[in-house]
Amino acid sequence: MKKIEAIIKPFKLDEVKDALHEIGLQGLTVVEAKGFGRQKGHTELYRGAEYVVDFLPKVKIEVICSDDLAERAVEAITAAARTGRIGDGKIFITDVLDVVRIRTGERGEEAV
């Protein structure tokens, strides 16, 4: 199993969710986040004063899926989240050793 973590622009969340649903993924976790990468934030003008916004709003999506579905999930996220501009985000893929469904005690892929 794989854990796919994607950090994307917030306005792309619905498109990514729909793309993952289309390939058959049933569940995902979404966390509001703030951060920056190469874009290093930006400056804004507020009441005549200029200030730097270091941390930009982002959304972090976490999905657990079988190994054979992982590459399709990454491709779906990439296609749905891409704007072509700096700050589109990153995807991290890690191995998952085990999953336990708390309610039933199921383990492994059955628990996903």
PDB file of N, CA and C in Angstrom:
ATOM      1  N   MET A   1       0.832  -1.180   0.000  1.00  0.00           N
ATOM      2  CA  MET A   1       0.000   0.000   0.000  1.00  0.00           C
ATOM      3  C   MET A   1       0.876   1.242   0.000  1.00  0.00           C
ATOM      4  N   LYS A   2       0.330   2.321  -0.500  1.00  0.00           N
ATOM      5  CA  LYS A   2       1.045   3.597  -0.565  1.00  0.00           C
ATOM      6  C   LYS A   2       0.223   4.696   0.097  1.00  0.00           C
ATOM      7  N   LYS A   3       0.927   5.641   0.682  1.00  0.00           N
ATOM      8  CA  LYS A   3       0.305   6.862   1.188  1.00  0.00           C
ATOM      9  C   LYS A   3       0.730   7.981   0.247  1.00  0.00           C
ATOM     10  N   ILE A   4      -0.237   8.662  -0.308  1.00  0.00           N
ATOM     11  CA  ILE A   4       0.042   9.770  -1.211  1.00  0.00           C
ATOM     12  C   ILE A   4      -0.390  11.049  -0.513  1.00  0.00           C
ATOM     13  N   GLU A   5       0.563  11.948  -0.314  1.00  0.00           N
ATOM     14  CA  GLU A   5       0.294  13.253   0.274  1.00  0.00           C
ATOM     15  C   GLU A   5       0.512  14.294  -0.811  1.00  0.00           C
ATOM     16  N   ALA A   6      -0.495  15.103  -1.059  1.00  0.00           N
ATOM     17  CA  ALA A   6      -0.390  16.138  -2.079  1.00  0.00           C
ATOM     18  C   ALA A   6      -0.689  17.484  -1.443  1.00  0.00           C
ATOM     19  N   ILE A   7       0.181  18.438  -1.693  1.00  0.00           N
ATOM     20  CA  ILE A   7      -0.031  19.801  -1.237  1.00  0.00           C
ATOM     21  C   ILE A   7      -0.354  20.619  -2.478  1.00  0.00           C
ATOM     22  N   ILE A   8      -1.566  21.186  -2.497  1.00  0.00           N
ATOM     23  CA  ILE A   8      -2.063  21.852  -3.700  1.00  0.00           C
ATOM     24  C   ILE A   8      -2.655  23.213  -3.354  1.00  0.00           C
ATOM     25  N   LYS A   9      -2.984  23.975  -4.386  1.00  0.00           N
ATOM     26  CA  LYS A   9      -3.689  25.240  -4.200  1.00  0.00           C
ATOM     27  C   LYS A   9      -5.130  24.953  -3.796  1.00  0.00           C
ATOM     28  N   PRO A  10      -5.677  25.717  -2.844  1.00  0.00           N
ATOM     29  CA  PRO A  10      -7.015  25.417  -2.330  1.00  0.00           C
ATOM     30  C   PRO A  10      -8.123  25.381  -3.389  1.00  0.00           C
ATOM     31  N   PHE A  11      -8.056  26.230  -4.394  1.00  0.00           N
ATOM     32  CA  PHE A  11      -9.139  26.275  -5.379  1.00  0.00           C
ATOM     33  C   PHE A  11      -9.136  25.068  -6.311  1.00  0.00           C
ATOM     34  N   LYS A  12      -8.114  24.217  -6.225  1.00  0.00           N
ATOM     35  CA  LYS A  12      -8.044  23.010  -7.042  1.00  0.00           C
ATOM     36  C   LYS A  12      -8.582  21.771  -6.313  1.00  0.00           C
ATOM     37  N   LEU A  13      -9.018  21.924  -5.073  1.00  0.00           N
ATOM     38  CA  LEU A  13      -9.441  20.776  -4.267  1.00  0.00           C
ATOM     39  C   LEU A  13     -10.585  19.993  -4.906  1.00  0.00           C
ATOM     40  N   ASP A  14     -11.626  20.659  -5.359  1.00  0.00           N
ATOM     41  CA  ASP A  14     -12.771  19.944  -5.936  1.00  0.00           C
ATOM     42  C   ASP A  14     -12.377  19.166  -7.184  1.00  0.00           C
ATOM     43  N   GLU A  15     -11.537  19.751  -8.020  1.00  0.00           N
ATOM     44  CA  GLU A  15     -11.092  19.058  -9.232  1.00  0.00           C
ATOM     45  C   GLU A  15     -10.283  17.811  -8.889  1.00  0.00           C
ATOM     46  N   VAL A  16      -9.404  17.916  -7.903  1.00  0.00           N
ATOM     47  CA  VAL A  16      -8.593  16.771  -7.491  1.00  0.00           C
ATOM     48  C   VAL A  16      -9.481  15.697  -6.874  1.00  0.00           C
ATOM     49  N   LYS A  17     -10.420  16.095  -6.025  1.00  0.00           N
ATOM     50  CA  LYS A  17     -11.336  15.132  -5.404  1.00  0.00           C
ATOM     51  C   LYS A  17     -12.125  14.374  -6.466  1.00  0.00           C
ATOM     52  N   ASP A  18     -12.637  15.087  -7.460  1.00  0.00           N
ATOM     53  CA  ASP A  18     -13.389  14.443  -8.544  1.00  0.00           C
ATOM     54  C   ASP A  18     -12.508  13.501  -9.363  1.00  0.00           C
ATOM     55  N   ALA A  19     -11.271  13.903  -9.632  1.00  0.00           N
ATOM     56  CA  ALA A  19     -10.345  13.061 -10.402  1.00  0.00           C
ATOM     57  C   ALA A  19     -10.028  11.775  -9.647  1.00  0.00           C
ATOM     58  N   LEU A  20      -9.845  11.856  -8.333  1.00  0.00           N
ATOM     59  CA  LEU A  20      -9.563  10.662  -7.534  1.00  0.00           C
ATOM     60  C   LEU A  20     -10.792   9.755  -7.472  1.00  0.00           C
ATOM     61  N   HIS A  21     -11.965  10.347  -7.382  1.00  0.00           N
ATOM     62  CA  HIS A  21     -13.199   9.560  -7.357  1.00  0.00           C
ATOM     63  C   HIS A  21     -13.381   8.803  -8.677  1.00  0.00           C
ATOM     64  N   GLU A  22     -13.025   9.436  -9.786  1.00  0.00           N
ATOM     65  CA  GLU A  22     -13.170   8.811 -11.104  1.00  0.00           C
ATOM     66  C   GLU A  22     -12.308   7.561 -11.274  1.00  0.00           C
ATOM     67  N   ILE A  23     -11.135   7.525 -10.617  1.00  0.00           N
ATOM     68  CA  ILE A  23     -10.278   6.340 -10.755  1.00  0.00           C
ATOM     69  C   ILE A  23     -10.596   5.271  -9.717  1.00  0.00           C
ATOM     70  N   GLY A  24     -11.570   5.556  -8.839  1.00  0.00           N
ATOM     71  CA  GLY A  24     -12.028   4.538  -7.903  1.00  0.00           C
ATOM     72  C   GLY A  24     -11.568   4.667  -6.474  1.00  0.00           C
ATOM     73  N   LEU A  25     -10.908   5.757  -6.130  1.00  0.00           N
ATOM     74  CA  LEU A  25     -10.511   5.953  -4.734  1.00  0.00           C
ATOM     75  C   LEU A  25     -11.713   6.452  -3.939  1.00  0.00           C
ATOM     76  N   GLN A  26     -11.936   5.835  -2.776  1.00  0.00           N
ATOM     77  CA  GLN A  26     -13.141   6.125  -2.020  1.00  0.00           C
ATOM     78  C   GLN A  26     -12.953   7.176  -0.938  1.00  0.00           C
ATOM     79  N   GLY A  27     -11.830   7.185  -0.277  1.00  0.00           N
ATOM     80  CA  GLY A  27     -11.669   8.086   0.859  1.00  0.00           C
ATOM     81  C   GLY A  27     -10.418   8.920   0.772  1.00  0.00           C
ATOM     82  N   LEU A  28     -10.477  10.097   1.357  1.00  0.00           N
ATOM     83  CA  LEU A  28      -9.295  10.946   1.445  1.00  0.00           C
ATOM     84  C   LEU A  28      -9.425  11.848   2.645  1.00  0.00           C
ATOM     85  N   THR A  29      -8.319  12.366   3.100  1.00  0.00           N
ATOM     86  CA  THR A  29      -8.280  13.307   4.208  1.00  0.00           C
ATOM     87  C   THR A  29      -7.770  14.629   3.680  1.00  0.00           C
ATOM     88  N   VAL A  30      -8.404  15.719   4.108  1.00  0.00           N
ATOM     89  CA  VAL A  30      -8.016  17.058   3.665  1.00  0.00           C
ATOM     90  C   VAL A  30      -7.698  17.898   4.895  1.00  0.00           C
ATOM     91  N   VAL A  31      -6.560  18.586   4.845  1.00  0.00           N
ATOM     92  CA  VAL A  31      -6.131  19.451   5.934  1.00  0.00           C
ATOM     93  C   VAL A  31      -5.777  20.806   5.349  1.00  0.00           C
ATOM     94  N   GLU A  32      -6.307  21.869   5.942  1.00  0.00           N
ATOM     95  CA  GLU A  32      -5.898  23.210   5.518  1.00  0.00           C
ATOM     96  C   GLU A  32      -4.501  23.469   6.065  1.00  0.00           C
ATOM     97  N   ALA A  33      -3.651  24.034   5.221  1.00  0.00           N
ATOM     98  CA  ALA A  33      -2.263  24.260   5.616  1.00  0.00           C
ATOM     99  C   ALA A  33      -1.794  25.618   5.102  1.00  0.00           C
ATOM    100  N   LYS A  34      -0.661  26.047   5.608  1.00  0.00           N
ATOM    101  CA  LYS A  34       0.011  27.249   5.106  1.00  0.00           C
ATOM    102  C   LYS A  34       1.459  26.887   4.885  1.00  0.00           C
ATOM    103  N   GLY A  35       2.039  27.444   3.821  1.00  0.00           N
ATOM    104  CA  GLY A  35       3.429  27.146   3.558  1.00  0.00           C
ATOM    105  C   GLY A  35       3.935  27.893   2.347  1.00  0.00           C
ATOM    106  N   PHE A  36       5.197  27.644   2.018  1.00  0.00           N
ATOM    107  CA  PHE A  36       5.770  28.236   0.823  1.00  0.00           C
ATOM    108  C   PHE A  36       6.904  27.353   0.339  1.00  0.00           C
ATOM    109  N   GLY A  37       7.183  27.460  -0.933  1.00  0.00           N
ATOM    110  CA  GLY A  37       8.301  26.754  -1.537  1.00  0.00           C
ATOM    111  C   GLY A  37       9.148  27.754  -2.278  1.00  0.00           C
ATOM    112  N   ARG A  38       9.356  27.514  -3.550  1.00  0.00           N
ATOM    113  CA  ARG A  38      10.168  28.422  -4.350  1.00  0.00           C
ATOM    114  C   ARG A  38       9.542  29.796  -4.509  1.00  0.00           C
ATOM    115  N   GLN A  39       8.209  29.865  -4.414  1.00  0.00           N
ATOM    116  CA  GLN A  39       7.551  31.152  -4.618  1.00  0.00           C
ATOM    117  C   GLN A  39       7.823  32.131  -3.466  1.00  0.00           C
ATOM    118  N   LYS A  40       8.191  31.614  -2.307  1.00  0.00           N
ATOM    119  CA  LYS A  40       8.612  32.411  -1.151  1.00  0.00           C
ATOM    120  C   LYS A  40       7.636  33.507  -0.760  1.00  0.00           C
ATOM    121  N   GLY A  41       6.362  33.259  -0.905  1.00  0.00           N
ATOM    122  CA  GLY A  41       5.373  34.239  -0.472  1.00  0.00           C
ATOM    123  C   GLY A  41       5.272  35.417  -1.422  1.00  0.00           C
ATOM    124  N   HIS A  42       4.642  36.483  -0.957  1.00  0.00           N
ATOM    125  CA  HIS A  42       4.481  37.679  -1.763  1.00  0.00           C
ATOM    126  C   HIS A  42       4.230  38.868  -0.853  1.00  0.00           C
ATOM    127  N   THR A  43       4.267  40.072  -1.407  1.00  0.00           N
ATOM    128  CA  THR A  43       3.988  41.267  -0.618  1.00  0.00           C
ATOM    129  C   THR A  43       2.575  41.752  -0.920  1.00  0.00           C
ATOM    130  N   GLU A  44       1.937  42.320   0.093  1.00  0.00           N
ATOM    131  CA  GLU A  44       0.600  42.880  -0.053  1.00  0.00           C
ATOM    132  C   GLU A  44       0.572  44.269   0.550  1.00  0.00           C
ATOM    133  N   LEU A  45      -0.387  45.046   0.116  1.00  0.00           N
ATOM    134  CA  LEU A  45      -0.583  46.395   0.616  1.00  0.00           C
ATOM    135  C   LEU A  45      -1.843  46.401   1.464  1.00  0.00           C
ATOM    136  N   TYR A  46      -1.741  46.812   2.730  1.00  0.00           N
ATOM    137  CA  TYR A  46      -2.893  46.854   3.620  1.00  0.00           C
ATOM    138  C   TYR A  46      -2.881  48.175   4.367  1.00  0.00           C
ATOM    139  N   ARG A  47      -3.923  48.980   4.153  1.00  0.00           N
ATOM    140  CA  ARG A  47      -4.050  50.306   4.781  1.00  0.00           C
ATOM    141  C   ARG A  47      -2.798  51.151   4.587  1.00  0.00           C
ATOM    142  N   GLY A  48      -2.282  51.109   3.389  1.00  0.00           N
ATOM    143  CA  GLY A  48      -1.135  51.937   3.039  1.00  0.00           C
ATOM    144  C   GLY A  48       0.213  51.365   3.433  1.00  0.00           C
ATOM    145  N   ALA A  49       0.229  50.262   4.148  1.00  0.00           N
ATOM    146  CA  ALA A  49       1.498  49.665   4.578  1.00  0.00           C
ATOM    147  C   ALA A  49       1.737  48.379   3.793  1.00  0.00           C
ATOM    148  N   GLU A  50       2.975  48.196   3.349  1.00  0.00           N
ATOM    149  CA  GLU A  50       3.331  46.992   2.620  1.00  0.00           C
ATOM    150  C   GLU A  50       3.883  45.970   3.597  1.00  0.00           C
ATOM    151  N   TYR A  51       3.414  44.740   3.469  1.00  0.00           N
ATOM    152  CA  TYR A  51       3.957  43.689   4.320  1.00  0.00           C
ATOM    153  C   TYR A  51       4.106  42.396   3.526  1.00  0.00           C
ATOM    154  N   VAL A  52       4.965  41.516   4.020  1.00  0.00           N
ATOM    155  CA  VAL A  52       5.282  40.271   3.331  1.00  0.00           C
ATOM    156  C   VAL A  52       4.399  39.151   3.883  1.00  0.00           C
ATOM    157  N   VAL A  53       3.762  38.408   2.995  1.00  0.00           N
ATOM    158  CA  VAL A  53       3.004  37.221   3.367  1.00  0.00           C
ATOM    159  C   VAL A  53       3.892  36.022   3.049  1.00  0.00           C
ATOM    160  N   ASP A  54       4.515  35.467   4.097  1.00  0.00           N
ATOM    161  CA  ASP A  54       5.449  34.344   3.906  1.00  0.00           C
ATOM    162  C   ASP A  54       4.717  33.042   3.646  1.00  0.00           C
ATOM    163  N   PHE A  55       3.675  32.798   4.410  1.00  0.00           N
ATOM    164  CA  PHE A  55       2.975  31.524   4.336  1.00  0.00           C
ATOM    165  C   PHE A  55       1.691  31.685   3.546  1.00  0.00           C
ATOM    166  N   LEU A  56       1.614  30.966   2.444  1.00  0.00           N
ATOM    167  CA  LEU A  56       0.457  31.040   1.569  1.00  0.00           C
ATOM    168  C   LEU A  56      -0.511  29.906   1.883  1.00  0.00           C
ATOM    169  N   PRO A  57      -1.821  30.123   1.692  1.00  0.00           N
ATOM    170  CA  PRO A  57      -2.781  29.057   1.974  1.00  0.00           C
ATOM    171  C   PRO A  57      -2.617  27.892   1.002  1.00  0.00           C
ATOM    172  N   LYS A  58      -2.623  26.705   1.539  1.00  0.00           N
ATOM    173  CA  LYS A  58      -2.511  25.466   0.764  1.00  0.00           C
ATOM    174  C   LYS A  58      -3.497  24.458   1.327  1.00  0.00           C
ATOM    175  N   VAL A  59      -3.685  23.362   0.621  1.00  0.00           N
ATOM    176  CA  VAL A  59      -4.491  22.249   1.099  1.00  0.00           C
ATOM    177  C   VAL A  59      -3.634  20.994   0.984  1.00  0.00           C
ATOM    178  N   LYS A  60      -3.644  20.190   2.033  1.00  0.00           N
ATOM    179  CA  LYS A  60      -2.908  18.928   2.014  1.00  0.00           C
ATOM    180  C   LYS A  60      -3.923  17.789   1.942  1.00  0.00           C
ATOM    181  N   ILE A  61      -3.765  16.950   0.934  1.00  0.00           N
ATOM    182  CA  ILE A  61      -4.644  15.799   0.731  1.00  0.00           C
ATOM    183  C   ILE A  61      -3.844  14.548   1.035  1.00  0.00           C
ATOM    184  N   GLU A  62      -4.428  13.632   1.792  1.00  0.00           N
ATOM    185  CA  GLU A  62      -3.791  12.360   2.090  1.00  0.00           C
ATOM    186  C   GLU A  62      -4.695  11.230   1.616  1.00  0.00           C
ATOM    187  N   VAL A  63      -4.117  10.281   0.891  1.00  0.00           N
ATOM    188  CA  VAL A  63      -4.849   9.139   0.353  1.00  0.00           C
ATOM    189  C   VAL A  63      -4.011   7.890   0.589  1.00  0.00           C
ATOM    190  N   ILE A  64      -4.667   6.809   1.019  1.00  0.00           N
ATOM    191  CA  ILE A  64      -4.013   5.507   1.124  1.00  0.00           C
ATOM    192  C   ILE A  64      -4.636   4.617   0.053  1.00  0.00           C
ATOM    193  N   CYS A  65      -3.788   3.968  -0.751  1.00  0.00           N
ATOM    194  CA  CYS A  65      -4.323   3.117  -1.822  1.00  0.00           C
ATOM    195  C   CYS A  65      -3.402   1.920  -2.045  1.00  0.00           C
ATOM    196  N   SER A  66      -3.895   0.976  -2.828  1.00  0.00           N
ATOM    197  CA  SER A  66      -3.092  -0.203  -3.168  1.00  0.00           C
ATOM    198  C   SER A  66      -1.941   0.218  -4.080  1.00  0.00           C
ATOM    199  N   ASP A  67      -0.904  -0.584  -4.120  1.00  0.00           N
ATOM    200  CA  ASP A  67       0.276  -0.277  -4.935  1.00  0.00           C
ATOM    201  C   ASP A  67      -0.082  -0.105  -6.416  1.00  0.00           C
ATOM    202  N   ASP A  68      -1.003  -0.946  -6.903  1.00  0.00           N
ATOM    203  CA  ASP A  68      -1.330  -0.888  -8.328  1.00  0.00           C
ATOM    204  C   ASP A  68      -2.154   0.342  -8.700  1.00  0.00           C
ATOM    205  N   LEU A  69      -2.776   1.004  -7.728  1.00  0.00           N
ATOM    206  CA  LEU A  69      -3.574   2.195  -8.000  1.00  0.00           C
ATOM    207  C   LEU A  69      -2.785   3.487  -7.776  1.00  0.00           C
ATOM    208  N   ALA A  70      -1.623   3.391  -7.143  1.00  0.00           N
ATOM    209  CA  ALA A  70      -0.864   4.569  -6.735  1.00  0.00           C
ATOM    210  C   ALA A  70      -0.453   5.456  -7.911  1.00  0.00           C
ATOM    211  N   GLU A  71       0.066   4.864  -8.960  1.00  0.00           N
ATOM    212  CA  GLU A  71       0.541   5.678 -10.091  1.00  0.00           C
ATOM    213  C   GLU A  71      -0.618   6.398 -10.776  1.00  0.00           C
ATOM    214  N   ARG A  72      -1.760   5.717 -10.898  1.00  0.00           N
ATOM    215  CA  ARG A  72      -2.928   6.371 -11.492  1.00  0.00           C
ATOM    216  C   ARG A  72      -3.411   7.522 -10.615  1.00  0.00           C
ATOM    217  N   ALA A  73      -3.320   7.356  -9.289  1.00  0.00           N
ATOM    218  CA  ALA A  73      -3.726   8.420  -8.365  1.00  0.00           C
ATOM    219  C   ALA A  73      -2.808   9.630  -8.505  1.00  0.00           C
ATOM    220  N   VAL A  74      -1.511   9.380  -8.607  1.00  0.00           N
ATOM    221  CA  VAL A  74      -0.549  10.480  -8.774  1.00  0.00           C
ATOM    222  C   VAL A  74      -0.809  11.213 -10.085  1.00  0.00           C
ATOM    223  N   GLU A  75      -1.063  10.477 -11.149  1.00  0.00           N
ATOM    224  CA  GLU A  75      -1.355  11.106 -12.442  1.00  0.00           C
ATOM    225  C   GLU A  75      -2.644  11.920 -12.390  1.00  0.00           C
ATOM    226  N   ALA A  76      -3.659  11.406 -11.692  1.00  0.00           N
ATOM    227  CA  ALA A  76      -4.928  12.127 -11.570  1.00  0.00           C
ATOM    228  C   ALA A  76      -4.758  13.418 -10.783  1.00  0.00           C
ATOM    229  N   ILE A  77      -4.004  13.361  -9.686  1.00  0.00           N
ATOM    230  CA  ILE A  77      -3.762  14.561  -8.879  1.00  0.00           C
ATOM    231  C   ILE A  77      -2.984  15.585  -9.691  1.00  0.00           C
ATOM    232  N   THR A  78      -1.926  15.125 -10.363  1.00  0.00           N
ATOM    233  CA  THR A  78      -1.089  16.024 -11.149  1.00  0.00           C
ATOM    234  C   THR A  78      -1.902  16.735 -12.231  1.00  0.00           C
ATOM    235  N   ALA A  79      -2.702  15.984 -12.961  1.00  0.00           N
ATOM    236  CA  ALA A  79      -3.490  16.574 -14.044  1.00  0.00           C
ATOM    237  C   ALA A  79      -4.528  17.555 -13.516  1.00  0.00           C
ATOM    238  N   ALA A  80      -5.161  17.227 -12.400  1.00  0.00           N
ATOM    239  CA  ALA A  80      -6.228  18.078 -11.869  1.00  0.00           C
ATOM    240  C   ALA A  80      -5.695  19.318 -11.148  1.00  0.00           C
ATOM    241  N   ALA A  81      -4.524  19.230 -10.535  1.00  0.00           N
ATOM    242  CA  ALA A  81      -4.006  20.334  -9.724  1.00  0.00           C
ATOM    243  C   ALA A  81      -3.118  21.296 -10.502  1.00  0.00           C
ATOM    244  N   ARG A  82      -2.679  20.909 -11.696  1.00  0.00           N
ATOM    245  CA  ARG A  82      -1.721  21.731 -12.440  1.00  0.00           C
ATOM    246  C   ARG A  82      -2.381  22.981 -13.008  1.00  0.00           C
ATOM    247  N   THR A  83      -1.740  24.136 -12.756  1.00  0.00           N
ATOM    248  CA  THR A  83      -2.136  25.394 -13.394  1.00  0.00           C
ATOM    249  C   THR A  83      -1.047  25.869 -14.347  1.00  0.00           C
ATOM    250  N   GLY A  84       0.165  25.338 -14.167  1.00  0.00           N
ATOM    251  CA  GLY A  84       1.290  25.763 -14.982  1.00  0.00           C
ATOM    252  C   GLY A  84       2.050  26.932 -14.392  1.00  0.00           C
ATOM    253  N   ARG A  85       1.595  27.399 -13.230  1.00  0.00           N
ATOM    254  CA  ARG A  85       2.269  28.529 -12.576  1.00  0.00           C
ATOM    255  C   ARG A  85       2.991  28.038 -11.320  1.00  0.00           C
ATOM    256  N   ILE A  86       3.913  28.844 -10.854  1.00  0.00           N
ATOM    257  CA  ILE A  86       4.673  28.499  -9.657  1.00  0.00           C
ATOM    258  C   ILE A  86       3.710  28.337  -8.482  1.00  0.00           C
ATOM    259  N   GLY A  87       4.011  27.379  -7.609  1.00  0.00           N
ATOM    260  CA  GLY A  87       3.178  27.153  -6.437  1.00  0.00           C
ATOM    261  C   GLY A  87       2.094  26.116  -6.624  1.00  0.00           C
ATOM    262  N   ASP A  88       2.147  25.341  -7.717  1.00  0.00           N
ATOM    263  CA  ASP A  88       1.129  24.308  -7.942  1.00  0.00           C
ATOM    264  C   ASP A  88       1.163  23.222  -6.875  1.00  0.00           C
ATOM    265  N   GLY A  89       2.310  22.974  -6.274  1.00  0.00           N
ATOM    266  CA  GLY A  89       2.370  22.032  -5.162  1.00  0.00           C
ATOM    267  C   GLY A  89       3.336  20.886  -5.362  1.00  0.00           C
ATOM    268  N   LYS A  90       3.229  19.911  -4.477  1.00  0.00           N
ATOM    269  CA  LYS A  90       4.108  18.742  -4.475  1.00  0.00           C
ATOM    270  C   LYS A  90       3.284  17.515  -4.119  1.00  0.00           C
ATOM    271  N   ILE A  91       3.799  16.343  -4.525  1.00  0.00           N
ATOM    272  CA  ILE A  91       3.196  15.062  -4.161  1.00  0.00           C
ATOM    273  C   ILE A  91       4.292  14.208  -3.540  1.00  0.00           C
ATOM    274  N   PHE A  92       3.987  13.611  -2.388  1.00  0.00           N
ATOM    275  CA  PHE A  92       4.919  12.729  -1.693  1.00  0.00           C
ATOM    276  C   PHE A  92       4.287  11.343  -1.619  1.00  0.00           C
ATOM    277  N   ILE A  93       5.073  10.303  -1.935  1.00  0.00           N
ATOM    278  CA  ILE A  93       4.578   8.933  -1.934  1.00  0.00           C
ATOM    279  C   ILE A  93       5.440   8.118  -0.974  1.00  0.00           C
ATOM    280  N   THR A  94       4.786   7.462  -0.020  1.00  0.00           N
ATOM    281  CA  THR A  94       5.508   6.641   0.948  1.00  0.00           C
ATOM    282  C   THR A  94       4.830   5.282   1.071  1.00  0.00           C
ATOM    283  N   ASP A  95       5.588   4.293   1.528  1.00  0.00           N
ATOM    284  CA  ASP A  95       5.046   2.961   1.759  1.00  0.00           C
ATOM    285  C   ASP A  95       4.261   2.938   3.070  1.00  0.00           C
ATOM    286  N   VAL A  96       3.176   2.167   3.083  1.00  0.00           N
ATOM    287  CA  VAL A  96       2.373   1.967   4.291  1.00  0.00           C
ATOM    288  C   VAL A  96       2.502   0.503   4.680  1.00  0.00           C
ATOM    289  N   LEU A  97       2.937   0.249   5.891  1.00  0.00           N
ATOM    290  CA  LEU A  97       3.143  -1.128   6.343  1.00  0.00           C
ATOM    291  C   LEU A  97       1.837  -1.826   6.683  1.00  0.00           C
ATOM    292  N   ASP A  98       0.930  -1.127   7.330  1.00  0.00           N
ATOM    293  CA  ASP A  98      -0.319  -1.753   7.734  1.00  0.00           C
ATOM    294  C   ASP A  98      -1.362  -0.680   7.987  1.00  0.00           C
ATOM    295  N   VAL A  99      -2.623  -1.081   7.900  1.00  0.00           N
ATOM    296  CA  VAL A  99      -3.761  -0.210   8.198  1.00  0.00           C
ATOM    297  C   VAL A  99      -4.714  -1.018   9.054  1.00  0.00           C
ATOM    298  N   VAL A 100      -5.304  -0.399  10.071  1.00  0.00           N
ATOM    299  CA  VAL A 100      -6.279  -1.069  10.923  1.00  0.00           C
ATOM    300  C   VAL A 100      -7.552  -0.228  10.950  1.00  0.00           C
ATOM    301  N   ARG A 101      -8.682  -0.843  10.606  1.00  0.00           N
ATOM    302  CA  ARG A 101      -9.970  -0.160  10.736  1.00  0.00           C
ATOM    303  C   ARG A 101     -10.396  -0.304  12.195  1.00  0.00           C
ATOM    304  N   ILE A 102     -10.566   0.796  12.875  1.00  0.00           N
ATOM    305  CA  ILE A 102     -10.846   0.769  14.310  1.00  0.00           C
ATOM    306  C   ILE A 102     -12.161   0.062  14.618  1.00  0.00           C
ATOM    307  N   ARG A 103     -13.197   0.331  13.857  1.00  0.00           N
ATOM    308  CA  ARG A 103     -14.525  -0.218  14.143  1.00  0.00           C
ATOM    309  C   ARG A 103     -14.554  -1.740  14.094  1.00  0.00           C
ATOM    310  N   THR A 104     -13.938  -2.340  13.061  1.00  0.00           N
ATOM    311  CA  THR A 104     -14.052  -3.790  12.862  1.00  0.00           C
ATOM    312  C   THR A 104     -12.780  -4.569  13.165  1.00  0.00           C
ATOM    313  N   GLY A 105     -11.656  -3.886  13.244  1.00  0.00           N
ATOM    314  CA  GLY A 105     -10.387  -4.575  13.461  1.00  0.00           C
ATOM    315  C   GLY A 105      -9.778  -5.119  12.192  1.00  0.00           C
ATOM    316  N   GLU A 106     -10.413  -4.864  11.014  1.00  0.00           N
ATOM    317  CA  GLU A 106      -9.840  -5.316   9.747  1.00  0.00           C
ATOM    318  C   GLU A 106      -8.459  -4.706   9.563  1.00  0.00           C
ATOM    319  N   ARG A 107      -7.597  -5.475   8.863  1.00  0.00           N
ATOM    320  CA  ARG A 107      -6.238  -5.010   8.644  1.00  0.00           C
ATOM    321  C   ARG A 107      -5.904  -5.055   7.159  1.00  0.00           C
ATOM    322  N   GLY A 108      -4.869  -4.299   6.784  1.00  0.00           N
ATOM    323  CA  GLY A 108      -4.376  -4.322   5.409  1.00  0.00           C
ATOM    324  C   GLY A 108      -5.313  -3.617   4.446  1.00  0.00           C
ATOM    325  N   GLU A 109      -5.294  -4.077   3.194  1.00  0.00           N
ATOM    326  CA  GLU A 109      -6.086  -3.407   2.152  1.00  0.00           C
ATOM    327  C   GLU A 109      -7.581  -3.465   2.394  1.00  0.00           C
ATOM    328  N   GLU A 110      -8.059  -4.478   3.127  1.00  0.00           N
ATOM    329  CA  GLU A 110      -9.490  -4.554   3.459  1.00  0.00           C
ATOM    330  C   GLU A 110      -9.909  -3.377   4.332  1.00  0.00           C
ATOM    331  N   ALA A 111      -8.974  -2.850   5.115  1.00  0.00           N
ATOM    332  CA  ALA A 111      -9.278  -1.741   6.021  1.00  0.00           C
ATOM    333  C   ALA A 111      -9.321  -0.396   5.301  1.00  0.00           C
ATOM    334  N   VAL A 112      -8.760  -0.347   4.094  1.00  0.00           N
ATOM    335  CA  VAL A 112      -8.753   0.909   3.350  1.00  0.00           C
ATOM    336  C   VAL A 112     -10.101   1.062   2.707  1.00  0.00           C
TER     337      VAL A 112
END
